[in-house]
Amino acid sequence: MSARDTLPPAEKYGLRAGVDIARLVRSALDNNYTGFEIEGDYRIHRKIYIAGEVGNESLIRDEENINVEGSGTYIRAGFDYNVYDNWYGMQNSIYVGLRYGFSTFSQELNEYTIFTDNNFFGTDRITDSIKQDGLNAGWLEFVFGLEVEVISNIYLGASLSLRTLVNESKPDGFDNLYIPGFGKTNDFNNIGVGYNYTISYLIPIAKRKR
């Protein structure tokens, strides 16, 4: 064995970029949803990555008394910390992370029910469309995920995130039912949950010894 063979392998540092497969699949299967997300990270330390996602989403929530569509763009930015110690020559990660998310979006009220005395059931279904643009929201997001190198520089990943809404602007006369990038909202709490399944490619920029 040569001295060269006994040296520890150099680890790759660079930009990793990819897409969220889950959103593409959901867009193909769910007629009420369309979405696309690009994700990426840049390794700045053996354990630390600057990370973020940017995307566009639209979802129609067809509830018993209301039909609303929320659509817009979003960005999430923060960092990930790899808690996994790789075996010799491996560059996988199991990470925890923190993000701040920001979304600009619109809400369109397609149909809603009002309670009246005009008929036996005491309700009227109104189909006039009401749309409000220029809304925004911000939230904090805690992330747990993994990245596995399946072929040289190609990674498959999965993550789960817990989100808490910090602020939101609301349309006149009704509440936000869906915030792009954050997810569904309700009157009971400001907590949301999200998930990602990604495929990404690492563009190596440098190599450093462990």
N, C-alpha and C. Protein backbone atom coordinates (compact mmCIF):
# COMPACT_ATOMS: atom_id res chain seq x y z
N MET A 1 0.86 -1.20 0.00
CA MET A 1 0.00 0.00 0.00
C MET A 1 0.89 1.25 0.00
N SER A 2 0.58 2.18 -0.89
CA SER A 2 1.38 3.40 -0.99
C SER A 2 0.94 4.40 0.07
N ALA A 3 1.81 5.39 0.32
CA ALA A 3 1.47 6.44 1.27
C ALA A 3 0.23 7.20 0.81
N ARG A 4 0.05 7.28 -0.50
CA ARG A 4 -1.10 8.01 -1.05
C ARG A 4 -2.41 7.33 -0.66
N ASP A 5 -2.40 5.98 -0.62
CA ASP A 5 -3.61 5.23 -0.29
C ASP A 5 -4.01 5.39 1.17
N THR A 6 -3.07 5.75 2.04
CA THR A 6 -3.38 5.85 3.46
C THR A 6 -3.91 7.22 3.85
N LEU A 7 -3.86 8.19 2.93
CA LEU A 7 -4.35 9.52 3.25
C LEU A 7 -5.87 9.54 3.34
N PRO A 8 -6.44 10.31 4.26
CA PRO A 8 -7.90 10.40 4.33
C PRO A 8 -8.45 11.06 3.08
N PRO A 9 -9.62 10.64 2.59
CA PRO A 9 -10.17 11.23 1.38
C PRO A 9 -10.55 12.68 1.60
N ALA A 10 -10.37 13.48 0.56
CA ALA A 10 -10.78 14.88 0.63
C ALA A 10 -12.29 14.96 0.45
N GLU A 11 -12.93 15.87 1.17
CA GLU A 11 -14.37 16.05 1.07
C GLU A 11 -14.69 17.19 0.13
N LYS A 12 -15.77 17.02 -0.64
CA LYS A 12 -16.14 18.01 -1.65
C LYS A 12 -16.96 19.14 -1.03
N TYR A 13 -16.60 20.35 -1.44
CA TYR A 13 -17.34 21.56 -1.06
C TYR A 13 -17.86 22.20 -2.34
N GLY A 14 -19.12 22.64 -2.31
CA GLY A 14 -19.65 23.27 -3.50
C GLY A 14 -21.13 23.57 -3.38
N LEU A 15 -21.72 23.89 -4.51
CA LEU A 15 -23.14 24.23 -4.59
C LEU A 15 -23.93 23.00 -5.00
N ARG A 16 -24.94 22.66 -4.19
CA ARG A 16 -25.84 21.55 -4.51
C ARG A 16 -27.22 22.14 -4.82
N ALA A 17 -27.77 21.79 -5.98
CA ALA A 17 -29.06 22.34 -6.39
C ALA A 17 -29.94 21.24 -6.94
N GLY A 18 -31.25 21.37 -6.70
CA GLY A 18 -32.17 20.34 -7.17
C GLY A 18 -33.61 20.80 -7.13
N VAL A 19 -34.52 19.86 -7.32
CA VAL A 19 -35.95 20.15 -7.35
C VAL A 19 -36.68 19.24 -6.37
N ASP A 20 -37.86 19.70 -5.95
CA ASP A 20 -38.71 18.92 -5.06
C ASP A 20 -39.60 18.01 -5.90
N ILE A 21 -39.36 16.71 -5.83
CA ILE A 21 -40.13 15.74 -6.61
C ILE A 21 -41.57 15.67 -6.11
N ALA A 22 -41.78 15.82 -4.81
CA ALA A 22 -43.12 15.69 -4.23
C ALA A 22 -44.09 16.70 -4.83
N ARG A 23 -43.64 17.93 -5.04
CA ARG A 23 -44.52 18.94 -5.62
C ARG A 23 -44.86 18.64 -7.08
N LEU A 24 -43.91 18.09 -7.81
CA LEU A 24 -44.17 17.73 -9.20
C LEU A 24 -45.19 16.61 -9.29
N VAL A 25 -45.05 15.61 -8.42
CA VAL A 25 -46.00 14.49 -8.42
C VAL A 25 -47.39 14.96 -8.00
N ARG A 26 -47.45 15.78 -6.97
CA ARG A 26 -48.75 16.27 -6.51
C ARG A 26 -49.43 17.12 -7.58
N SER A 27 -48.65 17.92 -8.29
CA SER A 27 -49.21 18.75 -9.36
C SER A 27 -49.84 17.89 -10.45
N ALA A 28 -49.24 16.72 -10.72
CA ALA A 28 -49.76 15.83 -11.75
C ALA A 28 -51.01 15.07 -11.30
N LEU A 29 -51.14 14.83 -9.98
CA LEU A 29 -52.23 13.99 -9.47
C LEU A 29 -53.39 14.77 -8.88
N ASP A 30 -53.14 15.99 -8.39
CA ASP A 30 -54.16 16.77 -7.69
C ASP A 30 -54.59 17.95 -8.56
N ASN A 31 -55.85 17.94 -9.01
CA ASN A 31 -56.35 19.00 -9.88
C ASN A 31 -56.45 20.36 -9.18
N ASN A 32 -56.47 20.36 -7.86
CA ASN A 32 -56.59 21.61 -7.10
C ASN A 32 -55.24 22.23 -6.73
N TYR A 33 -54.15 21.58 -7.17
CA TYR A 33 -52.82 22.05 -6.74
C TYR A 33 -51.87 22.12 -7.92
N THR A 34 -51.05 23.18 -7.95
CA THR A 34 -49.89 23.25 -8.84
C THR A 34 -48.74 23.85 -8.03
N GLY A 35 -47.55 23.32 -8.22
CA GLY A 35 -46.41 23.83 -7.47
C GLY A 35 -45.08 23.37 -8.04
N PHE A 36 -44.06 24.18 -7.80
CA PHE A 36 -42.70 23.87 -8.24
C PHE A 36 -41.74 24.52 -7.26
N GLU A 37 -40.70 23.75 -6.87
CA GLU A 37 -39.73 24.29 -5.91
C GLU A 37 -38.32 23.89 -6.29
N ILE A 38 -37.41 24.86 -6.24
CA ILE A 38 -35.98 24.63 -6.42
C ILE A 38 -35.31 24.77 -5.05
N GLU A 39 -34.47 23.81 -4.71
CA GLU A 39 -33.77 23.86 -3.43
C GLU A 39 -32.27 23.81 -3.66
N GLY A 40 -31.52 24.37 -2.70
CA GLY A 40 -30.08 24.35 -2.83
C GLY A 40 -29.37 24.59 -1.51
N ASP A 41 -28.11 24.20 -1.46
CA ASP A 41 -27.29 24.50 -0.29
C ASP A 41 -25.83 24.68 -0.71
N TYR A 42 -25.08 25.35 0.14
CA TYR A 42 -23.66 25.59 -0.12
C TYR A 42 -22.89 25.30 1.16
N ARG A 43 -21.95 24.39 1.06
CA ARG A 43 -21.20 23.95 2.24
C ARG A 43 -20.12 24.97 2.59
N ILE A 44 -20.17 25.48 3.80
CA ILE A 44 -19.19 26.47 4.24
C ILE A 44 -18.26 25.93 5.34
N HIS A 45 -18.62 24.76 5.90
CA HIS A 45 -17.85 24.14 6.97
C HIS A 45 -18.11 22.64 6.88
N ARG A 46 -17.28 21.85 7.54
CA ARG A 46 -17.46 20.40 7.46
C ARG A 46 -18.86 19.97 7.87
N LYS A 47 -19.50 20.71 8.78
CA LYS A 47 -20.82 20.34 9.28
C LYS A 47 -21.92 21.33 8.92
N ILE A 48 -21.59 22.48 8.36
CA ILE A 48 -22.57 23.57 8.22
C ILE A 48 -22.79 23.91 6.74
N TYR A 49 -24.06 24.08 6.39
CA TYR A 49 -24.46 24.44 5.03
C TYR A 49 -25.39 25.65 5.08
N ILE A 50 -25.16 26.63 4.21
CA ILE A 50 -26.17 27.65 3.94
C ILE A 50 -27.20 27.02 3.01
N ALA A 51 -28.47 27.15 3.33
CA ALA A 51 -29.49 26.42 2.57
C ALA A 51 -30.73 27.28 2.33
N GLY A 52 -31.47 26.92 1.29
CA GLY A 52 -32.70 27.64 1.02
C GLY A 52 -33.52 27.00 -0.08
N GLU A 53 -34.73 27.48 -0.23
CA GLU A 53 -35.66 27.01 -1.24
C GLU A 53 -36.43 28.21 -1.81
N VAL A 54 -36.78 28.12 -3.08
CA VAL A 54 -37.62 29.13 -3.71
C VAL A 54 -38.63 28.41 -4.59
N GLY A 55 -39.87 28.90 -4.60
CA GLY A 55 -40.88 28.18 -5.36
C GLY A 55 -42.13 28.99 -5.62
N ASN A 56 -43.08 28.32 -6.26
CA ASN A 56 -44.37 28.90 -6.61
C ASN A 56 -45.43 27.84 -6.37
N GLU A 57 -46.55 28.24 -5.76
CA GLU A 57 -47.62 27.29 -5.45
C GLU A 57 -49.00 27.92 -5.64
N SER A 58 -49.97 27.05 -5.92
CA SER A 58 -51.37 27.46 -5.97
C SER A 58 -52.22 26.30 -5.49
N LEU A 59 -53.15 26.58 -4.57
CA LEU A 59 -54.03 25.55 -4.04
C LEU A 59 -55.44 26.08 -3.89
N ILE A 60 -56.40 25.30 -4.36
CA ILE A 60 -57.81 25.61 -4.15
C ILE A 60 -58.31 24.81 -2.96
N ARG A 61 -58.80 25.51 -1.94
CA ARG A 61 -59.43 24.84 -0.80
C ARG A 61 -60.94 24.93 -0.96
N ASP A 62 -61.55 23.80 -1.20
CA ASP A 62 -62.99 23.71 -1.41
C ASP A 62 -63.62 23.15 -0.14
N GLU A 63 -64.00 24.05 0.76
CA GLU A 63 -64.59 23.64 2.03
C GLU A 63 -66.12 23.65 1.93
N GLU A 64 -66.76 23.27 3.02
CA GLU A 64 -68.22 23.15 3.02
C GLU A 64 -68.90 24.49 2.71
N ASN A 65 -68.39 25.57 3.26
CA ASN A 65 -69.04 26.87 3.11
C ASN A 65 -68.23 27.88 2.31
N ILE A 66 -67.08 27.45 1.76
CA ILE A 66 -66.23 28.43 1.09
C ILE A 66 -65.30 27.72 0.09
N ASN A 67 -64.98 28.41 -1.00
CA ASN A 67 -64.02 27.92 -1.99
C ASN A 67 -63.03 29.06 -2.25
N VAL A 68 -61.77 28.85 -1.86
CA VAL A 68 -60.75 29.89 -1.93
C VAL A 68 -59.50 29.35 -2.59
N GLU A 69 -58.87 30.15 -3.43
CA GLU A 69 -57.60 29.79 -4.04
C GLU A 69 -56.51 30.74 -3.57
N GLY A 70 -55.46 30.17 -3.01
CA GLY A 70 -54.28 30.94 -2.62
C GLY A 70 -53.13 30.61 -3.57
N SER A 71 -52.49 31.62 -4.14
CA SER A 71 -51.40 31.37 -5.09
C SER A 71 -50.36 32.47 -4.97
N GLY A 72 -49.08 32.08 -5.17
CA GLY A 72 -48.01 33.05 -5.10
C GLY A 72 -46.64 32.41 -5.06
N THR A 73 -45.64 33.20 -4.75
CA THR A 73 -44.25 32.75 -4.70
C THR A 73 -43.71 32.87 -3.27
N TYR A 74 -42.62 32.16 -3.01
CA TYR A 74 -42.05 32.17 -1.67
C TYR A 74 -40.56 31.89 -1.73
N ILE A 75 -39.89 32.23 -0.64
CA ILE A 75 -38.48 31.90 -0.46
C ILE A 75 -38.26 31.53 1.00
N ARG A 76 -37.42 30.54 1.22
CA ARG A 76 -37.01 30.16 2.58
C ARG A 76 -35.48 30.13 2.60
N ALA A 77 -34.88 30.73 3.62
CA ALA A 77 -33.43 30.81 3.68
C ALA A 77 -32.96 30.56 5.12
N GLY A 78 -31.82 29.88 5.25
CA GLY A 78 -31.28 29.61 6.57
C GLY A 78 -30.04 28.75 6.49
N PHE A 79 -29.92 27.78 7.40
CA PHE A 79 -28.74 26.93 7.42
C PHE A 79 -29.12 25.53 7.89
N ASP A 80 -28.26 24.56 7.57
CA ASP A 80 -28.39 23.18 8.03
C ASP A 80 -27.11 22.77 8.75
N TYR A 81 -27.27 21.92 9.77
CA TYR A 81 -26.13 21.38 10.50
C TYR A 81 -26.17 19.86 10.41
N ASN A 82 -25.12 19.26 9.87
CA ASN A 82 -25.04 17.81 9.69
C ASN A 82 -24.63 17.14 11.00
N VAL A 83 -25.50 16.32 11.55
CA VAL A 83 -25.22 15.64 12.81
C VAL A 83 -24.65 14.25 12.60
N TYR A 84 -24.48 13.86 11.34
CA TYR A 84 -24.03 12.50 11.01
C TYR A 84 -22.54 12.48 10.72
N ASP A 85 -21.82 11.52 11.33
CA ASP A 85 -20.41 11.32 11.04
C ASP A 85 -20.29 10.24 9.97
N ASN A 86 -19.88 10.65 8.78
CA ASN A 86 -19.80 9.73 7.65
C ASN A 86 -18.71 8.68 7.83
N TRP A 87 -18.93 7.52 7.22
CA TRP A 87 -17.88 6.52 7.12
C TRP A 87 -16.83 7.01 6.13
N TYR A 88 -15.75 6.30 6.07
CA TYR A 88 -14.63 6.63 5.20
C TYR A 88 -15.11 6.79 3.74
N GLY A 89 -14.88 7.95 3.16
CA GLY A 89 -15.20 8.18 1.76
C GLY A 89 -16.64 8.57 1.47
N MET A 90 -17.53 8.59 2.48
CA MET A 90 -18.93 8.93 2.24
C MET A 90 -19.18 10.41 2.51
N GLN A 91 -20.22 10.95 1.84
CA GLN A 91 -20.59 12.34 2.05
C GLN A 91 -22.10 12.50 2.14
N ASN A 92 -22.71 11.65 2.96
CA ASN A 92 -24.15 11.75 3.23
C ASN A 92 -24.36 12.67 4.43
N SER A 93 -25.62 13.02 4.67
CA SER A 93 -25.90 13.88 5.82
C SER A 93 -27.26 13.59 6.42
N ILE A 94 -27.32 13.67 7.73
CA ILE A 94 -28.57 13.73 8.49
C ILE A 94 -28.49 15.06 9.24
N TYR A 95 -29.42 15.94 8.96
CA TYR A 95 -29.24 17.32 9.41
C TYR A 95 -30.46 17.88 10.12
N VAL A 96 -30.19 18.90 10.90
CA VAL A 96 -31.24 19.75 11.47
C VAL A 96 -30.98 21.14 10.94
N GLY A 97 -32.04 21.91 10.75
CA GLY A 97 -31.86 23.22 10.16
C GLY A 97 -32.88 24.23 10.64
N LEU A 98 -32.63 25.47 10.29
CA LEU A 98 -33.51 26.58 10.63
C LEU A 98 -33.69 27.44 9.39
N ARG A 99 -34.93 27.87 9.14
CA ARG A 99 -35.23 28.73 8.00
C ARG A 99 -36.11 29.90 8.45
N TYR A 100 -36.00 31.00 7.68
CA TYR A 100 -37.02 32.04 7.72
C TYR A 100 -37.67 32.05 6.36
N GLY A 101 -39.01 31.96 6.34
CA GLY A 101 -39.74 31.93 5.10
C GLY A 101 -40.53 33.21 4.88
N PHE A 102 -40.64 33.60 3.62
CA PHE A 102 -41.40 34.78 3.25
C PHE A 102 -42.14 34.51 1.96
N SER A 103 -43.42 34.90 1.92
CA SER A 103 -44.27 34.63 0.77
C SER A 103 -45.04 35.88 0.36
N THR A 104 -45.15 36.09 -0.94
CA THR A 104 -46.06 37.10 -1.49
C THR A 104 -47.10 36.36 -2.31
N PHE A 105 -48.38 36.69 -2.11
CA PHE A 105 -49.42 35.85 -2.71
C PHE A 105 -50.72 36.63 -2.86
N SER A 106 -51.68 35.97 -3.48
CA SER A 106 -53.03 36.49 -3.62
C SER A 106 -54.03 35.47 -3.09
N GLN A 107 -55.20 35.95 -2.70
CA GLN A 107 -56.29 35.09 -2.28
C GLN A 107 -57.51 35.43 -3.15
N GLU A 108 -58.11 34.39 -3.74
CA GLU A 108 -59.29 34.59 -4.57
C GLU A 108 -60.46 33.78 -4.00
N LEU A 109 -61.47 34.50 -3.58
CA LEU A 109 -62.67 33.87 -3.03
C LEU A 109 -63.61 33.57 -4.19
N ASN A 110 -63.76 32.27 -4.53
CA ASN A 110 -64.55 31.87 -5.69
C ASN A 110 -66.03 31.70 -5.35
N GLU A 111 -66.31 31.03 -4.24
CA GLU A 111 -67.68 30.80 -3.80
C GLU A 111 -67.73 30.85 -2.28
N TYR A 112 -68.87 31.27 -1.74
CA TYR A 112 -69.05 31.24 -0.29
C TYR A 112 -70.54 31.16 0.02
N THR A 113 -70.83 30.67 1.20
CA THR A 113 -72.20 30.51 1.65
C THR A 113 -72.52 31.54 2.72
N ILE A 114 -73.66 32.21 2.57
CA ILE A 114 -74.13 33.11 3.62
C ILE A 114 -75.47 32.59 4.13
N PHE A 115 -75.75 32.86 5.37
CA PHE A 115 -76.97 32.38 6.00
C PHE A 115 -78.03 33.48 5.93
N THR A 116 -79.17 33.14 5.30
CA THR A 116 -80.26 34.11 5.12
C THR A 116 -81.59 33.44 5.44
N ASP A 117 -82.65 34.19 5.29
CA ASP A 117 -84.00 33.67 5.50
C ASP A 117 -84.74 33.53 4.16
N ASN A 118 -83.97 33.43 3.06
CA ASN A 118 -84.61 33.45 1.75
C ASN A 118 -85.15 32.09 1.31
N ASN A 119 -84.72 31.03 1.96
CA ASN A 119 -85.21 29.72 1.54
C ASN A 119 -85.33 28.81 2.76
N PHE A 120 -85.79 27.62 2.49
CA PHE A 120 -86.08 26.67 3.56
C PHE A 120 -84.83 26.33 4.37
N PHE A 121 -83.69 26.22 3.69
CA PHE A 121 -82.47 25.84 4.37
C PHE A 121 -81.78 27.02 5.04
N GLY A 122 -82.16 28.22 4.72
CA GLY A 122 -81.60 29.39 5.37
C GLY A 122 -80.22 29.77 4.89
N THR A 123 -79.81 29.35 3.67
CA THR A 123 -78.50 29.71 3.13
C THR A 123 -78.61 30.09 1.67
N ASP A 124 -77.67 30.92 1.23
CA ASP A 124 -77.49 31.25 -0.18
C ASP A 124 -76.05 30.99 -0.55
N ARG A 125 -75.83 30.41 -1.75
CA ARG A 125 -74.48 30.17 -2.25
C ARG A 125 -74.12 31.28 -3.24
N ILE A 126 -73.11 32.07 -2.89
CA ILE A 126 -72.69 33.20 -3.70
C ILE A 126 -71.49 32.78 -4.54
N THR A 127 -71.52 33.03 -5.85
CA THR A 127 -70.45 32.59 -6.74
C THR A 127 -69.64 33.75 -7.31
N ASP A 128 -69.86 34.96 -6.84
CA ASP A 128 -69.06 36.09 -7.30
C ASP A 128 -67.61 35.94 -6.83
N SER A 129 -66.66 36.19 -7.74
CA SER A 129 -65.25 36.07 -7.41
C SER A 129 -64.73 37.37 -6.79
N ILE A 130 -64.02 37.22 -5.67
CA ILE A 130 -63.37 38.36 -5.01
C ILE A 130 -61.89 38.03 -4.87
N LYS A 131 -61.03 38.85 -5.47
CA LYS A 131 -59.59 38.59 -5.44
C LYS A 131 -58.84 39.75 -4.82
N GLN A 132 -57.85 39.40 -3.98
CA GLN A 132 -57.01 40.42 -3.38
C GLN A 132 -55.55 40.05 -3.57
N ASP A 133 -54.79 40.94 -4.21
CA ASP A 133 -53.37 40.73 -4.45
C ASP A 133 -52.54 41.47 -3.40
N GLY A 134 -51.22 41.27 -3.48
CA GLY A 134 -50.30 42.02 -2.64
C GLY A 134 -50.25 41.60 -1.19
N LEU A 135 -50.69 40.37 -0.87
CA LEU A 135 -50.61 39.87 0.50
C LEU A 135 -49.23 39.28 0.76
N ASN A 136 -48.84 39.19 2.02
CA ASN A 136 -47.55 38.59 2.36
C ASN A 136 -47.61 37.95 3.73
N ALA A 137 -46.65 37.07 3.98
CA ALA A 137 -46.57 36.37 5.27
C ALA A 137 -45.13 35.97 5.53
N GLY A 138 -44.78 35.85 6.81
CA GLY A 138 -43.45 35.39 7.21
C GLY A 138 -43.56 34.35 8.31
N TRP A 139 -42.62 33.42 8.36
CA TRP A 139 -42.66 32.36 9.35
C TRP A 139 -41.26 31.81 9.64
N LEU A 140 -41.12 31.17 10.79
CA LEU A 140 -39.92 30.44 11.15
C LEU A 140 -40.15 28.95 10.91
N GLU A 141 -39.08 28.25 10.56
CA GLU A 141 -39.22 26.86 10.17
C GLU A 141 -38.06 26.04 10.72
N PHE A 142 -38.38 24.95 11.40
CA PHE A 142 -37.39 24.02 11.91
C PHE A 142 -37.42 22.76 11.03
N VAL A 143 -36.24 22.33 10.57
CA VAL A 143 -36.16 21.28 9.56
C VAL A 143 -35.34 20.11 10.08
N PHE A 144 -35.82 18.90 9.74
CA PHE A 144 -35.04 17.67 9.97
C PHE A 144 -35.04 16.88 8.67
N GLY A 145 -33.85 16.49 8.19
CA GLY A 145 -33.82 15.79 6.91
C GLY A 145 -32.56 14.99 6.70
N LEU A 146 -32.45 14.39 5.52
CA LEU A 146 -31.28 13.61 5.15
C LEU A 146 -30.99 13.78 3.67
N GLU A 147 -29.72 13.60 3.30
CA GLU A 147 -29.26 13.62 1.92
C GLU A 147 -28.35 12.42 1.72
N VAL A 148 -28.63 11.62 0.68
CA VAL A 148 -27.86 10.42 0.40
C VAL A 148 -27.30 10.50 -1.01
N GLU A 149 -25.99 10.32 -1.15
CA GLU A 149 -25.36 10.32 -2.46
C GLU A 149 -25.55 8.95 -3.10
N VAL A 150 -26.37 8.87 -4.15
CA VAL A 150 -26.68 7.59 -4.79
C VAL A 150 -25.74 7.29 -5.95
N ILE A 151 -25.32 8.32 -6.65
CA ILE A 151 -24.29 8.24 -7.69
C ILE A 151 -23.39 9.43 -7.46
N SER A 152 -22.20 9.39 -8.00
CA SER A 152 -21.25 10.48 -7.78
C SER A 152 -21.89 11.84 -8.07
N ASN A 153 -21.98 12.67 -7.02
CA ASN A 153 -22.50 14.04 -7.07
C ASN A 153 -24.02 14.14 -7.22
N ILE A 154 -24.73 13.03 -7.27
CA ILE A 154 -26.20 13.04 -7.36
C ILE A 154 -26.78 12.54 -6.05
N TYR A 155 -27.71 13.34 -5.48
CA TYR A 155 -28.25 13.06 -4.15
C TYR A 155 -29.76 12.93 -4.20
N LEU A 156 -30.27 12.01 -3.37
CA LEU A 156 -31.69 11.95 -3.07
C LEU A 156 -31.87 12.42 -1.63
N GLY A 157 -32.91 13.22 -1.40
CA GLY A 157 -33.12 13.77 -0.07
C GLY A 157 -34.57 13.73 0.36
N ALA A 158 -34.78 13.83 1.65
CA ALA A 158 -36.12 13.92 2.23
C ALA A 158 -36.03 14.78 3.48
N SER A 159 -37.07 15.57 3.74
CA SER A 159 -37.05 16.42 4.92
C SER A 159 -38.47 16.63 5.44
N LEU A 160 -38.55 16.92 6.72
CA LEU A 160 -39.80 17.25 7.39
C LEU A 160 -39.59 18.56 8.13
N SER A 161 -40.55 19.47 8.02
CA SER A 161 -40.38 20.78 8.66
C SER A 161 -41.59 21.14 9.51
N LEU A 162 -41.32 21.81 10.60
CA LEU A 162 -42.35 22.33 11.50
C LEU A 162 -42.28 23.86 11.43
N ARG A 163 -43.41 24.50 11.09
CA ARG A 163 -43.43 25.94 10.82
C ARG A 163 -44.33 26.68 11.79
N THR A 164 -43.92 27.87 12.17
CA THR A 164 -44.75 28.71 13.01
C THR A 164 -44.86 30.09 12.37
N LEU A 165 -46.08 30.53 12.13
CA LEU A 165 -46.35 31.78 11.44
C LEU A 165 -46.00 32.96 12.35
N VAL A 166 -45.23 33.91 11.81
CA VAL A 166 -44.81 35.10 12.55
C VAL A 166 -45.73 36.27 12.25
N ASN A 167 -46.03 36.47 10.98
CA ASN A 167 -46.91 37.57 10.60
C ASN A 167 -47.60 37.23 9.27
N GLU A 168 -48.74 37.84 9.02
CA GLU A 168 -49.45 37.67 7.76
C GLU A 168 -50.38 38.87 7.55
N SER A 169 -50.54 39.25 6.29
CA SER A 169 -51.57 40.22 5.94
C SER A 169 -52.77 39.46 5.40
N LYS A 170 -53.97 39.91 5.78
CA LYS A 170 -55.18 39.18 5.43
C LYS A 170 -56.03 39.96 4.44
N PRO A 171 -56.75 39.26 3.57
CA PRO A 171 -57.66 39.95 2.65
C PRO A 171 -58.86 40.53 3.41
N ASP A 172 -59.52 41.49 2.81
CA ASP A 172 -60.68 42.11 3.43
C ASP A 172 -61.87 41.14 3.41
N GLY A 173 -62.46 40.90 4.57
CA GLY A 173 -63.69 40.13 4.64
C GLY A 173 -63.53 38.64 4.83
N PHE A 174 -62.31 38.09 4.70
CA PHE A 174 -62.11 36.65 4.95
C PHE A 174 -60.64 36.41 5.27
N ASP A 175 -60.35 35.21 5.78
CA ASP A 175 -59.00 34.88 6.22
C ASP A 175 -58.24 34.12 5.13
N ASN A 176 -56.91 34.09 5.30
CA ASN A 176 -56.09 33.22 4.45
C ASN A 176 -56.34 31.76 4.82
N LEU A 177 -56.62 30.94 3.82
CA LEU A 177 -56.76 29.51 4.06
C LEU A 177 -55.56 28.71 3.57
N TYR A 178 -54.75 29.35 2.71
CA TYR A 178 -53.54 28.68 2.22
C TYR A 178 -52.51 29.74 1.88
N ILE A 179 -51.30 29.59 2.43
CA ILE A 179 -50.19 30.50 2.17
C ILE A 179 -49.11 29.73 1.44
N PRO A 180 -48.78 30.09 0.19
CA PRO A 180 -47.74 29.39 -0.56
C PRO A 180 -46.42 29.35 0.21
N GLY A 181 -45.82 28.16 0.26
CA GLY A 181 -44.58 27.98 0.99
C GLY A 181 -44.76 27.62 2.45
N PHE A 182 -45.88 28.04 3.03
CA PHE A 182 -46.18 27.71 4.42
C PHE A 182 -47.15 26.54 4.50
N GLY A 183 -48.25 26.63 3.75
CA GLY A 183 -49.25 25.57 3.76
C GLY A 183 -50.61 26.06 4.23
N LYS A 184 -51.44 25.11 4.64
CA LYS A 184 -52.79 25.43 5.09
C LYS A 184 -52.75 26.16 6.44
N THR A 185 -53.70 27.05 6.62
CA THR A 185 -53.82 27.77 7.88
C THR A 185 -55.21 27.54 8.47
N ASN A 186 -55.35 27.83 9.76
CA ASN A 186 -56.64 27.70 10.42
C ASN A 186 -56.74 28.71 11.56
N ASP A 187 -57.90 28.71 12.22
CA ASP A 187 -58.16 29.67 13.29
C ASP A 187 -57.63 29.22 14.65
N PHE A 188 -57.13 27.98 14.74
CA PHE A 188 -56.81 27.41 16.04
C PHE A 188 -55.37 27.65 16.46
N ASN A 189 -54.43 27.67 15.50
CA ASN A 189 -53.03 27.91 15.86
C ASN A 189 -52.27 28.41 14.64
N ASN A 190 -51.02 28.76 14.85
CA ASN A 190 -50.16 29.27 13.77
C ASN A 190 -49.11 28.26 13.34
N ILE A 191 -49.39 26.97 13.56
CA ILE A 191 -48.43 25.92 13.28
C ILE A 191 -48.74 25.25 11.95
N GLY A 192 -47.70 24.99 11.16
CA GLY A 192 -47.84 24.26 9.90
C GLY A 192 -46.77 23.19 9.79
N VAL A 193 -47.01 22.22 8.93
CA VAL A 193 -46.08 21.11 8.71
C VAL A 193 -45.85 20.97 7.21
N GLY A 194 -44.61 20.70 6.81
CA GLY A 194 -44.29 20.50 5.41
C GLY A 194 -43.31 19.36 5.22
N TYR A 195 -43.20 18.89 3.99
CA TYR A 195 -42.26 17.82 3.66
C TYR A 195 -41.72 18.02 2.25
N ASN A 196 -40.54 17.45 1.99
CA ASN A 196 -39.91 17.52 0.68
C ASN A 196 -39.27 16.18 0.33
N TYR A 197 -39.31 15.82 -0.93
CA TYR A 197 -38.52 14.72 -1.48
C TYR A 197 -37.77 15.30 -2.67
N THR A 198 -36.45 15.28 -2.62
CA THR A 198 -35.67 16.02 -3.61
C THR A 198 -34.66 15.14 -4.34
N ILE A 199 -34.32 15.59 -5.53
CA ILE A 199 -33.17 15.06 -6.26
C ILE A 199 -32.30 16.25 -6.61
N SER A 200 -31.00 16.15 -6.36
CA SER A 200 -30.12 17.30 -6.53
C SER A 200 -28.76 16.87 -7.05
N TYR A 201 -28.03 17.86 -7.56
CA TYR A 201 -26.70 17.62 -8.11
C TYR A 201 -25.70 18.57 -7.45
N LEU A 202 -24.57 18.01 -7.03
CA LEU A 202 -23.52 18.81 -6.40
C LEU A 202 -22.52 19.27 -7.45
N ILE A 203 -22.31 20.57 -7.52
CA ILE A 203 -21.27 21.16 -8.37
C ILE A 203 -20.04 21.37 -7.50
N PRO A 204 -19.06 20.48 -7.58
CA PRO A 204 -17.88 20.61 -6.70
C PRO A 204 -17.08 21.86 -7.05
N ILE A 205 -16.71 22.61 -6.03
CA ILE A 205 -15.91 23.81 -6.23
C ILE A 205 -14.51 23.64 -5.62
N ALA A 206 -14.44 22.93 -4.50
CA ALA A 206 -13.16 22.72 -3.83
C ALA A 206 -13.18 21.40 -3.08
N LYS A 207 -12.00 20.91 -2.73
CA LYS A 207 -11.85 19.72 -1.89
C LYS A 207 -10.98 20.07 -0.70
N ARG A 208 -11.41 19.60 0.46
CA ARG A 208 -10.67 19.86 1.69
C ARG A 208 -10.54 18.57 2.48
N LYS A 209 -9.42 18.41 3.17
CA LYS A 209 -9.22 17.25 4.02
C LYS A 209 -10.04 17.41 5.29
N ARG A 210 -10.46 16.28 5.84
CA ARG A 210 -11.25 16.31 7.08
C ARG A 210 -10.40 16.80 8.24
